Amino acid sequence: MGADRGGTAIGTLEYQRRPEVASQPVRLTPRPVFLAGREGLLAELDARLARRPGQSGPRLVALYGLGGAGKTSVAVEYAHRHLAEVGVCWQFSAEDPAVLAAEFAVLAALLGAREVVDPRDPVASVHAVLARVEAGWLVVFDNVPDRAAVEPFVPPAGPGRVLITTQNQHWPPGQALDVPVLDPEVAADFLVNRTGDPDRASARELAAELGGLPLALEQAAAYMQATGTTLARYLPMFRDRQADLLARGEASGHPANVATTLGLALSRLAGEAPAAAGLVRLLAFMAPEPVPLALLLTGNQAAGLLGPEVAAQVGALLGDGVAAGDAIAALRRYSLVSPAGDGLVLVHRLVQAITQVQLPVEAADRWKHAAAALVEAAVPADGELPAAWPVCAVLLPHARAVLDLTSGGMWQIARYLGYSGSHPGARDLFGLIADAHGGDDAYGPEHPDTLSARSNLALWIGEAGDAAGARDQLAALLPIRERVQGPEHPETLTTRKLLAYWTRQAG
């Protein structure tokens, strides 16, 4: 609905010429007190909303991002900076269409739109007035669910600017502008400045734990300020009581804490798209690194390992690219994941934390086991082969997050590290694998797999530059091999050969 620039009738509405509005109708929340690291984003917003020669009609930008990323703060800061340039500036709460329509009625009255023949349509009335305001205008639609929900309310004509804030990532490329989390150094600066605590090392660590999410940073700083807690003391508290602290601390200018903000998005997702809600539970147990979903969901070989509860929710995604795409699209409506490359998605560490907290302990164990099954199934069968290295590289952080050290997948990841040239990485991981096998009742210190892990450990100790260390490891291993497997067993002979080699390398 709306009117063209010449003021012609649209539908049953007919507008009369009237004087320009004498006062400046303004409804805008207070300017953000703390806004860090957003100058580049505001400059990009300036460029996108600036009128270009020959351009007519409103300019529109949709600021999208995860709940708590500070989208509203950026929009309000932009509006305050440009308030003197416009004749009308209005911030609408756009989450509920009924509330949004009521706010249009308020603005229509302030604009003098009672002169419209049909005052029963305040949206069209406001559109008609804004089409005529020569001084320009700026409207902010805050917390928009999706494009369809806001389209009937966006003014179609006039020299104005439209700014939308939303968690939904589905906007045309020319309109969408990502509001990312803060850079680690910027986030650390914020914590130091906001708390007055100069402990920059602790600030960096806490900024990483909070994933640079502005709402979480502000909430933590507010809690520390209110309780007199230092950064160094808050950091171990947060690691130990993460869920509790994400629900404490009042963030300036934000009505809800991190736990509530992210929890609400997750609850809505569960009602709208159960498969997507299941997918985010799987992602919650992965590392906070890009996840190769296309790889994990390609086949259904792990379907039988997921367990009935998990399979009921996400089993349909395995091997079905269309169903998996629908689930990812649903997650992106709330910015719960972001694209991170071909077939990769990134999920914020606090989304992972809140998702895990919402699950009962037994259910969390089932979902973690399911995540491990998918990763195990995706690990190549031979990590020594160069063709397997790219897959192993992208799976590495997730294998470390969910796989048991005694798993075959972890073994192949360690082999990949060594044969691809990361000898210290292979050494360290095989050390953990050997210890895990030795301490596991299912294996024990003299199990063949434990002895093989120790042999691999010796190999990568030597390749990492410590020939004497490799020699000593093999010298201790050889008599065990001889006793357990026999003096002429192939593994015993291989150990004797390696001992001779590393003895020579050690001089």
Foldseek 3Di string as FASTA:
>chain_A
DADALVQPDDDPKHADDDDFQPAAAADAPDQDPDDFDCPVVLVVVCVQQDDDPPDFWAGAAEEAAFPLLCQSNSVRNSCVVCVVQARYEEEAAQDDLVRRQVVLLVVLVSRVLVNMPDSVRSLRSVLHSQQHNQSEYEYEHEAHLDCVSCVSRDRGGHRYYYYYYYNAPPDPPSRYDYRDADDLQRQLVSLCVLQVAVPSVLSSVVCVVQVRRNLLSQQLSQVCNVVVNHSVRVSVVCVVPVVVSQQGGDGPPDPGGNLVRLVVLLVVLCVVAQLLNLVLLLVLQFDQDWDQQCLLQQAQPLLVQLDDVSCVRHVVSRNDVVSVVVSVSSCSSNNQWDDDDVSIIGGGNVSSVSSLVVDDPVVSVSSLSSSQSSLLVRQDQALLDPVRLVSLVNSVRRCVRRPDLQDSSLVSSLNNCVNVPNLVSSLVSLVVSLVSQCPDPVHHNLRPVSLVSLLSNLVSCVVVPCLVSSLVSLVVSLVSCCVPVNCPPPVSVVSVVSNVVSVVVVD
